[in-house]
Amino acid sequence: MLSSLSCDTGNLTVIADLPSTLKEVSGTEIVKGSELIWMLNDGGNKPRLYGLSRQGKIVKELKIDAKNNDWEDLTTDDSGNIYIGDFGNNLSERKNLAILKVAVSHLDSEAKVPIERISFKYPNQKKYPPKKKQLYFDCESFFFYNDSLYLFTKSRVKGDFGRTDLYKIPAKRGQHVATYIDSFTSCSDLECWITSADISEDGKKVILLNHKSVWVFSDFVGDDFLSGTANEYPFEHESQKEAVCFIDQNTIYITDERAHGAGGNLYRFNLN
């Protein structure tokens, strides 16, 4: 069931102006039991994970032993391991899509941090790149749930920008073919690109972020997170919002890239 909340959701609350080091922040995540907020920059930047205080100050920097081809999102599992989504794929032409697992035991390391590589491909992609009407294999969003990783693609097909496809892969080392689950379309505009995702700690809510709003999915069946009820919470302004994560059941963190003299902030947003 698709609906849009008409109530006033209020402004995003600015928590911090992020350091210039994170001007292209594309992933944000909280690890259970830690006070840090982990962040990363997207492709073209150093392969680093940054641990920030709740006031937005960098207090830890991890050097990751892997290339930042196009890092786009972060997630964590129940043990505190962190996963980096190296699956940005603007032209749908990459054959080296991967998720990089950083073991919790390395999160305090001063040396270069090794990774476990989880490689995958989409089951329905036959050409690299496909035709323009089939540019559905970019991705900026994922999360961990029940020993699997769930990916939400970003459409680059004109007139169908709001479509996202949900896929599933095992959260373990190897070469995997993703399993397609479902699709969802919010609108056709560029501002509807899905740029980040997360699932609540109890597994009952899923959030998808775009530049102008966040979608909350609930009452879904099994791991078809796009089934059930979808509610849109529009923001009062637009910016290049690239990352989202739950703080608690009804509160989320959002970050946006610094561009054209705006953005580059850590926000809090209430879902009530």
C-alpha atoms as a PDB file:
ATOM      1  CA  MET A   1       0.000   0.000   0.000  1.00  0.00           C
ATOM      2  CA  LEU A   2       1.511   3.340  -1.090  1.00  0.00           C
ATOM      3  CA  SER A   3       0.656   6.516   0.791  1.00  0.00           C
ATOM      4  CA  SER A   4       2.134   9.903   1.607  1.00  0.00           C
ATOM      5  CA  LEU A   5       1.997  11.490   5.036  1.00  0.00           C
ATOM      6  CA  SER A   6       0.418  14.925   4.898  1.00  0.00           C
ATOM      7  CA  CYS A   7       1.424  15.968   8.429  1.00  0.00           C
ATOM      8  CA  ASP A   8       4.239  18.463   8.968  1.00  0.00           C
ATOM      9  CA  THR A   9       7.393  16.482   9.736  1.00  0.00           C
ATOM     10  CA  GLY A  10       9.329  19.570  10.818  1.00  0.00           C
ATOM     11  CA  ASN A  11      12.818  20.649   9.825  1.00  0.00           C
ATOM     12  CA  LEU A  12      15.891  18.487   9.813  1.00  0.00           C
ATOM     13  CA  THR A  13      17.829  19.268  12.983  1.00  0.00           C
ATOM     14  CA  VAL A  14      21.455  20.128  12.251  1.00  0.00           C
ATOM     15  CA  ILE A  15      23.740  18.247  14.662  1.00  0.00           C
ATOM     16  CA  ALA A  16      27.079  19.237  13.164  1.00  0.00           C
ATOM     17  CA  ASP A  17      28.860  20.840  10.249  1.00  0.00           C
ATOM     18  CA  LEU A  18      30.993  17.935   9.037  1.00  0.00           C
ATOM     19  CA  PRO A  19      34.761  18.342   8.556  1.00  0.00           C
ATOM     20  CA  SER A  20      35.908  19.188   5.022  1.00  0.00           C
ATOM     21  CA  THR A  21      37.533  15.743   4.913  1.00  0.00           C
ATOM     22  CA  LEU A  22      33.996  14.367   4.515  1.00  0.00           C
ATOM     23  CA  LYS A  23      32.738  16.782   1.866  1.00  0.00           C
ATOM     24  CA  GLU A  24      31.616  13.819  -0.288  1.00  0.00           C
ATOM     25  CA  VAL A  25      30.210  11.673   2.503  1.00  0.00           C
ATOM     26  CA  SER A  26      28.184   8.802   1.079  1.00  0.00           C
ATOM     27  CA  GLY A  27      27.754   6.355   3.975  1.00  0.00           C
ATOM     28  CA  THR A  28      26.821   6.705   7.650  1.00  0.00           C
ATOM     29  CA  GLU A  29      26.395   3.953  10.241  1.00  0.00           C
ATOM     30  CA  ILE A  30      26.247   3.330  13.994  1.00  0.00           C
ATOM     31  CA  VAL A  31      27.796   0.169  15.437  1.00  0.00           C
ATOM     32  CA  LYS A  32      25.913  -1.297  18.391  1.00  0.00           C
ATOM     33  CA  GLY A  33      27.691  -0.623  21.681  1.00  0.00           C
ATOM     34  CA  SER A  34      29.869   2.155  20.243  1.00  0.00           C
ATOM     35  CA  GLU A  35      29.537   5.895  20.628  1.00  0.00           C
ATOM     36  CA  LEU A  36      31.112   6.524  17.218  1.00  0.00           C
ATOM     37  CA  ILE A  37      29.325   7.367  13.981  1.00  0.00           C
ATOM     38  CA  TRP A  38      31.192   5.742  11.097  1.00  0.00           C
ATOM     39  CA  MET A  39      31.336   7.515   7.730  1.00  0.00           C
ATOM     40  CA  LEU A  40      33.044   7.237   4.337  1.00  0.00           C
ATOM     41  CA  ASN A  41      33.460   9.246   1.154  1.00  0.00           C
ATOM     42  CA  ASP A  42      32.460   8.036  -2.289  1.00  0.00           C
ATOM     43  CA  GLY A  43      34.630   7.140  -5.288  1.00  0.00           C
ATOM     44  CA  GLY A  44      37.717   9.199  -6.081  1.00  0.00           C
ATOM     45  CA  ASN A  45      38.564   9.669  -2.409  1.00  0.00           C
ATOM     46  CA  LYS A  46      40.997   7.860  -0.128  1.00  0.00           C
ATOM     47  CA  PRO A  47      40.013   4.358   1.059  1.00  0.00           C
ATOM     48  CA  ARG A  48      39.278   5.470   4.613  1.00  0.00           C
ATOM     49  CA  LEU A  49      36.696   4.840   7.296  1.00  0.00           C
ATOM     50  CA  TYR A  50      36.143   7.736   9.690  1.00  0.00           C
ATOM     51  CA  GLY A  51      34.836   7.376  13.228  1.00  0.00           C
ATOM     52  CA  LEU A  52      33.133  10.563  14.436  1.00  0.00           C
ATOM     53  CA  SER A  53      31.889  11.674  17.813  1.00  0.00           C
ATOM     54  CA  ARG A  54      28.194  12.400  18.239  1.00  0.00           C
ATOM     55  CA  GLN A  55      29.195  16.065  17.837  1.00  0.00           C
ATOM     56  CA  GLY A  56      30.548  15.405  14.345  1.00  0.00           C
ATOM     57  CA  LYS A  57      34.291  15.471  15.094  1.00  0.00           C
ATOM     58  CA  ILE A  58      36.633  12.887  13.547  1.00  0.00           C
ATOM     59  CA  VAL A  59      38.250  10.909  16.362  1.00  0.00           C
ATOM     60  CA  LYS A  60      39.381   7.824  14.404  1.00  0.00           C
ATOM     61  CA  GLU A  61      40.622   7.180  10.870  1.00  0.00           C
ATOM     62  CA  LEU A  62      41.062   3.670   9.477  1.00  0.00           C
ATOM     63  CA  LYS A  63      43.165   3.001   6.383  1.00  0.00           C
ATOM     64  CA  ILE A  64      41.414   0.250   4.432  1.00  0.00           C
ATOM     65  CA  ASP A  65      43.517  -2.156   2.353  1.00  0.00           C
ATOM     66  CA  ALA A  66      41.323  -1.889  -0.746  1.00  0.00           C
ATOM     67  CA  LYS A  67      40.674   0.562  -3.558  1.00  0.00           C
ATOM     68  CA  ASN A  68      37.800   3.030  -3.313  1.00  0.00           C
ATOM     69  CA  ASN A  69      36.334   2.245  -6.734  1.00  0.00           C
ATOM     70  CA  ASP A  70      33.004   3.803  -5.794  1.00  0.00           C
ATOM     71  CA  TRP A  71      32.121   3.383  -2.129  1.00  0.00           C
ATOM     72  CA  GLU A  72      28.494   4.291  -1.508  1.00  0.00           C
ATOM     73  CA  ASP A  73      27.064   3.020   1.795  1.00  0.00           C
ATOM     74  CA  LEU A  74      27.831   1.407   5.152  1.00  0.00           C
ATOM     75  CA  THR A  75      26.134  -1.231   7.249  1.00  0.00           C
ATOM     76  CA  THR A  76      26.967  -3.372  10.271  1.00  0.00           C
ATOM     77  CA  ASP A  77      26.014  -6.811  11.574  1.00  0.00           C
ATOM     78  CA  ASP A  78      25.067  -8.040  15.050  1.00  0.00           C
ATOM     79  CA  SER A  79      28.726  -8.700  15.923  1.00  0.00           C
ATOM     80  CA  GLY A  80      29.858  -5.169  15.095  1.00  0.00           C
ATOM     81  CA  ASN A  81      31.607  -5.941  11.796  1.00  0.00           C
ATOM     82  CA  ILE A  82      31.321  -3.134   9.236  1.00  0.00           C
ATOM     83  CA  TYR A  83      30.503  -3.619   5.551  1.00  0.00           C
ATOM     84  CA  ILE A  84      31.484  -1.128   2.841  1.00  0.00           C
ATOM     85  CA  GLY A  85      29.346  -1.063  -0.298  1.00  0.00           C
ATOM     86  CA  ASP A  86      31.772  -0.749  -3.217  1.00  0.00           C
ATOM     87  CA  PHE A  87      28.979  -0.972  -5.754  1.00  0.00           C
ATOM     88  CA  GLY A  88      28.561   2.511  -7.216  1.00  0.00           C
ATOM     89  CA  ASN A  89      28.004   1.831 -10.916  1.00  0.00           C
ATOM     90  CA  ASN A  90      26.939   5.001 -12.719  1.00  0.00           C
ATOM     91  CA  LEU A  91      27.119   3.520 -16.211  1.00  0.00           C
ATOM     92  CA  SER A  92      26.058  -0.029 -15.228  1.00  0.00           C
ATOM     93  CA  GLU A  93      29.340  -1.307 -16.681  1.00  0.00           C
ATOM     94  CA  ARG A  94      31.311  -2.566 -13.661  1.00  0.00           C
ATOM     95  CA  LYS A  95      32.239  -6.237 -13.388  1.00  0.00           C
ATOM     96  CA  ASN A  96      34.017  -5.870 -10.039  1.00  0.00           C
ATOM     97  CA  LEU A  97      31.062  -5.049  -7.770  1.00  0.00           C
ATOM     98  CA  ALA A  98      31.851  -5.910  -4.169  1.00  0.00           C
ATOM     99  CA  ILE A  99      31.069  -5.464  -0.510  1.00  0.00           C
ATOM    100  CA  LEU A 100      34.093  -5.177   1.765  1.00  0.00           C
ATOM    101  CA  LYS A 101      33.831  -6.632   5.267  1.00  0.00           C
ATOM    102  CA  VAL A 102      35.910  -4.984   8.006  1.00  0.00           C
ATOM    103  CA  ALA A 103      36.144  -7.195  11.098  1.00  0.00           C
ATOM    104  CA  VAL A 104      35.214  -5.598  14.412  1.00  0.00           C
ATOM    105  CA  SER A 105      38.616  -6.682  15.757  1.00  0.00           C
ATOM    106  CA  HIS A 106      40.275  -4.217  13.356  1.00  0.00           C
ATOM    107  CA  LEU A 107      38.228  -1.143  14.245  1.00  0.00           C
ATOM    108  CA  ASP A 108      40.925   0.055  16.652  1.00  0.00           C
ATOM    109  CA  SER A 109      43.826  -0.669  14.304  1.00  0.00           C
ATOM    110  CA  GLU A 110      46.550   1.861  13.588  1.00  0.00           C
ATOM    111  CA  ALA A 111      47.870  -0.153  10.636  1.00  0.00           C
ATOM    112  CA  LYS A 112      46.302  -0.734   7.234  1.00  0.00           C
ATOM    113  CA  VAL A 113      43.108  -2.757   7.761  1.00  0.00           C
ATOM    114  CA  PRO A 114      42.539  -5.976   5.754  1.00  0.00           C
ATOM    115  CA  ILE A 115      39.127  -6.751   4.289  1.00  0.00           C
ATOM    116  CA  GLU A 116      37.078  -9.790   3.328  1.00  0.00           C
ATOM    117  CA  ARG A 117      35.731  -9.378  -0.210  1.00  0.00           C
ATOM    118  CA  ILE A 118      32.138 -10.333  -1.035  1.00  0.00           C
ATOM    119  CA  SER A 119      31.835 -10.145  -4.827  1.00  0.00           C
ATOM    120  CA  PHE A 120      28.562 -10.272  -6.731  1.00  0.00           C
ATOM    121  CA  LYS A 121      26.757  -9.658 -10.003  1.00  0.00           C
ATOM    122  CA  TYR A 122      23.132  -9.051 -10.924  1.00  0.00           C
ATOM    123  CA  PRO A 123      21.217 -12.059 -12.317  1.00  0.00           C
ATOM    124  CA  ASN A 124      19.412 -10.027 -14.979  1.00  0.00           C
ATOM    125  CA  GLN A 125      22.345  -8.040 -16.403  1.00  0.00           C
ATOM    126  CA  LYS A 126      23.575  -9.499 -19.694  1.00  0.00           C
ATOM    127  CA  LYS A 127      25.533  -6.583 -21.221  1.00  0.00           C
ATOM    128  CA  TYR A 128      28.155  -4.226 -19.726  1.00  0.00           C
ATOM    129  CA  PRO A 129      26.913  -1.581 -20.173  1.00  0.00           C
ATOM    130  CA  PRO A 130      23.337  -2.351 -21.171  1.00  0.00           C
ATOM    131  CA  LYS A 131      21.208  -0.104 -23.365  1.00  0.00           C
ATOM    132  CA  LYS A 132      20.144   3.253 -21.925  1.00  0.00           C
ATOM    133  CA  LYS A 133      16.666   1.913 -21.170  1.00  0.00           C
ATOM    134  CA  GLN A 134      18.233  -0.791 -18.978  1.00  0.00           C
ATOM    135  CA  LEU A 135      20.499   1.335 -16.743  1.00  0.00           C
ATOM    136  CA  TYR A 136      19.106  -0.204 -13.546  1.00  0.00           C
ATOM    137  CA  PHE A 137      22.353  -1.547 -12.051  1.00  0.00           C
ATOM    138  CA  ASP A 138      23.766   1.432 -10.168  1.00  0.00           C
ATOM    139  CA  CYS A 139      23.547   1.053  -6.383  1.00  0.00           C
ATOM    140  CA  GLU A 140      24.097   3.303  -3.372  1.00  0.00           C
ATOM    141  CA  SER A 141      22.089   1.540  -0.661  1.00  0.00           C
ATOM    142  CA  PHE A 142      22.215  -1.631   1.397  1.00  0.00           C
ATOM    143  CA  PHE A 143      21.951  -3.154   4.878  1.00  0.00           C
ATOM    144  CA  PHE A 144      22.665  -6.375   6.764  1.00  0.00           C
ATOM    145  CA  TYR A 145      19.817  -8.570   8.015  1.00  0.00           C
ATOM    146  CA  ASN A 146      19.754 -12.224   9.119  1.00  0.00           C
ATOM    147  CA  ASP A 147      23.135 -13.211   7.620  1.00  0.00           C
ATOM    148  CA  SER A 148      22.355 -11.595   4.262  1.00  0.00           C
ATOM    149  CA  LEU A 149      23.024  -8.262   2.585  1.00  0.00           C
ATOM    150  CA  TYR A 150      20.111  -6.466   0.906  1.00  0.00           C
ATOM    151  CA  LEU A 151      20.838  -4.044  -1.922  1.00  0.00           C
ATOM    152  CA  PHE A 152      18.536  -1.336  -3.288  1.00  0.00           C
ATOM    153  CA  THR A 153      19.527  -0.163  -6.755  1.00  0.00           C
ATOM    154  CA  LYS A 154      19.453   3.366  -8.148  1.00  0.00           C
ATOM    155  CA  SER A 155      17.845   3.855 -11.554  1.00  0.00           C
ATOM    156  CA  ARG A 156      19.539   5.968 -14.214  1.00  0.00           C
ATOM    157  CA  VAL A 157      16.775   5.498 -16.772  1.00  0.00           C
ATOM    158  CA  LYS A 158      15.217   8.802 -17.850  1.00  0.00           C
ATOM    159  CA  GLY A 159      11.611   9.040 -16.716  1.00  0.00           C
ATOM    160  CA  ASP A 160      12.080   6.178 -14.246  1.00  0.00           C
ATOM    161  CA  PHE A 161      14.555   7.637 -11.746  1.00  0.00           C
ATOM    162  CA  GLY A 162      12.435   6.719  -8.726  1.00  0.00           C
ATOM    163  CA  ARG A 163      12.615   2.969  -9.304  1.00  0.00           C
ATOM    164  CA  THR A 164      14.653   0.784  -6.985  1.00  0.00           C
ATOM    165  CA  ASP A 165      15.163  -2.971  -7.276  1.00  0.00           C
ATOM    166  CA  LEU A 166      15.769  -5.083  -4.172  1.00  0.00           C
ATOM    167  CA  TYR A 167      18.384  -7.864  -4.321  1.00  0.00           C
ATOM    168  CA  LYS A 168      19.851 -10.249  -1.746  1.00  0.00           C
ATOM    169  CA  ILE A 169      23.306 -11.827  -1.413  1.00  0.00           C
ATOM    170  CA  PRO A 170      24.936 -13.927   1.349  1.00  0.00           C
ATOM    171  CA  ALA A 171      27.081 -11.963   3.794  1.00  0.00           C
ATOM    172  CA  LYS A 172      30.122 -14.171   3.251  1.00  0.00           C
ATOM    173  CA  ARG A 173      33.270 -14.218   1.171  1.00  0.00           C
ATOM    174  CA  GLY A 174      32.904 -15.459  -2.389  1.00  0.00           C
ATOM    175  CA  GLN A 175      31.496 -14.804  -5.852  1.00  0.00           C
ATOM    176  CA  HIS A 176      27.710 -14.529  -5.681  1.00  0.00           C
ATOM    177  CA  VAL A 177      24.822 -14.041  -8.067  1.00  0.00           C
ATOM    178  CA  ALA A 178      22.340 -11.734  -6.357  1.00  0.00           C
ATOM    179  CA  THR A 179      18.752 -12.874  -5.890  1.00  0.00           C
ATOM    180  CA  TYR A 180      16.089 -10.452  -7.130  1.00  0.00           C
ATOM    181  CA  ILE A 181      13.221  -9.900  -4.644  1.00  0.00           C
ATOM    182  CA  ASP A 182      11.033  -6.930  -5.608  1.00  0.00           C
ATOM    183  CA  SER A 183      10.832  -3.405  -7.055  1.00  0.00           C
ATOM    184  CA  PHE A 184       9.377  -0.095  -5.884  1.00  0.00           C
ATOM    185  CA  THR A 185       8.852   3.247  -7.637  1.00  0.00           C
ATOM    186  CA  SER A 186       8.230   6.494  -5.763  1.00  0.00           C
ATOM    187  CA  CYS A 187       8.269   9.050  -8.604  1.00  0.00           C
ATOM    188  CA  SER A 188      10.033   9.717 -11.887  1.00  0.00           C
ATOM    189  CA  ASP A 189      12.165  12.741 -10.922  1.00  0.00           C
ATOM    190  CA  LEU A 190      15.925  12.891 -10.340  1.00  0.00           C
ATOM    191  CA  GLU A 191      15.271  13.858  -6.708  1.00  0.00           C
ATOM    192  CA  CYS A 192      13.741  10.391  -6.208  1.00  0.00           C
ATOM    193  CA  TRP A 193      17.043   8.542  -6.695  1.00  0.00           C
ATOM    194  CA  ILE A 194      17.524   6.124  -3.781  1.00  0.00           C
ATOM    195  CA  THR A 195      20.840   7.000  -2.138  1.00  0.00           C
ATOM    196  CA  SER A 196      20.922   5.066   1.162  1.00  0.00           C
ATOM    197  CA  ALA A 197      19.016   2.499   3.231  1.00  0.00           C
ATOM    198  CA  ASP A 198      18.829   1.024   6.722  1.00  0.00           C
ATOM    199  CA  ILE A 199      16.743  -1.356   8.821  1.00  0.00           C
ATOM    200  CA  SER A 200      15.709  -0.796  12.434  1.00  0.00           C
ATOM    201  CA  GLU A 201      17.259  -2.909  15.180  1.00  0.00           C
ATOM    202  CA  ASP A 202      14.059  -4.939  15.636  1.00  0.00           C
ATOM    203  CA  GLY A 203      13.784  -5.560  11.882  1.00  0.00           C
ATOM    204  CA  LYS A 204      10.313  -4.012  11.632  1.00  0.00           C
ATOM    205  CA  LYS A 205      11.112  -0.799   9.722  1.00  0.00           C
ATOM    206  CA  VAL A 206      13.146  -0.141   6.594  1.00  0.00           C
ATOM    207  CA  ILE A 207      14.092   3.344   5.413  1.00  0.00           C
ATOM    208  CA  LEU A 208      15.093   4.484   1.931  1.00  0.00           C
ATOM    209  CA  LEU A 209      16.582   7.944   1.442  1.00  0.00           C
ATOM    210  CA  ASN A 210      16.415  10.295  -1.507  1.00  0.00           C
ATOM    211  CA  HIS A 211      17.246  13.982  -1.872  1.00  0.00           C
ATOM    212  CA  LYS A 212      13.846  15.286  -0.842  1.00  0.00           C
ATOM    213  CA  SER A 213      12.374  12.675   1.522  1.00  0.00           C
ATOM    214  CA  VAL A 214      12.722   9.412   3.384  1.00  0.00           C
ATOM    215  CA  TRP A 215      10.442   6.431   2.762  1.00  0.00           C
ATOM    216  CA  VAL A 216       9.551   4.158   5.669  1.00  0.00           C
ATOM    217  CA  PHE A 217       8.420   0.590   4.974  1.00  0.00           C
ATOM    218  CA  SER A 218       6.641  -1.513   7.602  1.00  0.00           C
ATOM    219  CA  ASP A 219       4.297  -4.515   7.882  1.00  0.00           C
ATOM    220  CA  PHE A 220       6.253  -6.304   5.152  1.00  0.00           C
ATOM    221  CA  VAL A 221       6.251 -10.052   4.630  1.00  0.00           C
ATOM    222  CA  GLY A 222       9.535 -11.892   5.314  1.00  0.00           C
ATOM    223  CA  ASP A 223      12.415 -10.121   3.623  1.00  0.00           C
ATOM    224  CA  ASP A 224      10.315  -8.533   0.885  1.00  0.00           C
ATOM    225  CA  PHE A 225      10.850  -5.159   2.512  1.00  0.00           C
ATOM    226  CA  LEU A 226       9.130  -3.340  -0.360  1.00  0.00           C
ATOM    227  CA  SER A 227       5.826  -5.088   0.335  1.00  0.00           C
ATOM    228  CA  GLY A 228       3.375  -3.888   2.980  1.00  0.00           C
ATOM    229  CA  THR A 229       2.970  -0.213   3.854  1.00  0.00           C
ATOM    230  CA  ALA A 230       5.178   2.582   2.477  1.00  0.00           C
ATOM    231  CA  ASN A 231       4.989   6.086   3.982  1.00  0.00           C
ATOM    232  CA  GLU A 232       6.866   9.105   2.667  1.00  0.00           C
ATOM    233  CA  TYR A 233       8.234  11.754   5.053  1.00  0.00           C
ATOM    234  CA  PRO A 234       9.129  14.810   2.942  1.00  0.00           C
ATOM    235  CA  PHE A 235      11.859  17.218   4.027  1.00  0.00           C
ATOM    236  CA  GLU A 236      11.402  20.969   3.977  1.00  0.00           C
ATOM    237  CA  HIS A 237      14.414  21.482   1.724  1.00  0.00           C
ATOM    238  CA  GLU A 238      16.390  19.542  -0.843  1.00  0.00           C
ATOM    239  CA  SER A 239      20.102  18.821  -0.853  1.00  0.00           C
ATOM    240  CA  GLN A 240      22.332  15.995  -2.008  1.00  0.00           C
ATOM    241  CA  LYS A 241      21.422  13.660   0.832  1.00  0.00           C
ATOM    242  CA  GLU A 242      23.553  10.540   0.534  1.00  0.00           C
ATOM    243  CA  ALA A 243      23.441   8.573   3.788  1.00  0.00           C
ATOM    244  CA  VAL A 244      20.974   7.505   6.463  1.00  0.00           C
ATOM    245  CA  CYS A 245      20.937   5.260   9.527  1.00  0.00           C
ATOM    246  CA  PHE A 246      18.644   4.572  12.457  1.00  0.00           C
ATOM    247  CA  ILE A 247      19.464   6.024  15.882  1.00  0.00           C
ATOM    248  CA  ASP A 248      16.402   4.355  17.408  1.00  0.00           C
ATOM    249  CA  GLN A 249      13.017   3.154  16.156  1.00  0.00           C
ATOM    250  CA  ASN A 250      11.738   6.657  15.432  1.00  0.00           C
ATOM    251  CA  THR A 251      14.881   8.734  14.882  1.00  0.00           C
ATOM    252  CA  ILE A 252      17.468   8.736  12.110  1.00  0.00           C
ATOM    253  CA  TYR A 253      20.754  10.385  11.180  1.00  0.00           C
ATOM    254  CA  ILE A 254      21.129  11.867   7.691  1.00  0.00           C
ATOM    255  CA  THR A 255      24.200  13.300   6.000  1.00  0.00           C
ATOM    256  CA  ASP A 256      24.500  15.278   2.772  1.00  0.00           C
ATOM    257  CA  GLU A 257      27.375  16.171   0.478  1.00  0.00           C
ATOM    258  CA  ARG A 258      28.841  19.654   0.524  1.00  0.00           C
ATOM    259  CA  ALA A 259      28.055  21.269  -2.836  1.00  0.00           C
ATOM    260  CA  HIS A 260      27.451  24.799  -4.151  1.00  0.00           C
ATOM    261  CA  GLY A 261      28.047  26.302  -0.716  1.00  0.00           C
ATOM    262  CA  ALA A 262      25.419  24.152   1.013  1.00  0.00           C
ATOM    263  CA  GLY A 263      25.180  20.798   2.751  1.00  0.00           C
ATOM    264  CA  GLY A 264      28.019  18.932   4.415  1.00  0.00           C
ATOM    265  CA  ASN A 265      25.991  18.419   7.577  1.00  0.00           C
ATOM    266  CA  LEU A 266      24.954  15.709  10.010  1.00  0.00           C
ATOM    267  CA  TYR A 267      21.211  15.929  10.725  1.00  0.00           C
ATOM    268  CA  ARG A 268      18.732  14.274  13.036  1.00  0.00           C
ATOM    269  CA  PHE A 269      15.213  13.598  11.792  1.00  0.00           C
ATOM    270  CA  ASN A 270      12.172  12.298  13.697  1.00  0.00           C
ATOM    271  CA  LEU A 271       9.810   9.810  12.083  1.00  0.00           C
ATOM    272  CA  ASN A 272       6.893  10.525  14.462  1.00  0.00           C
END
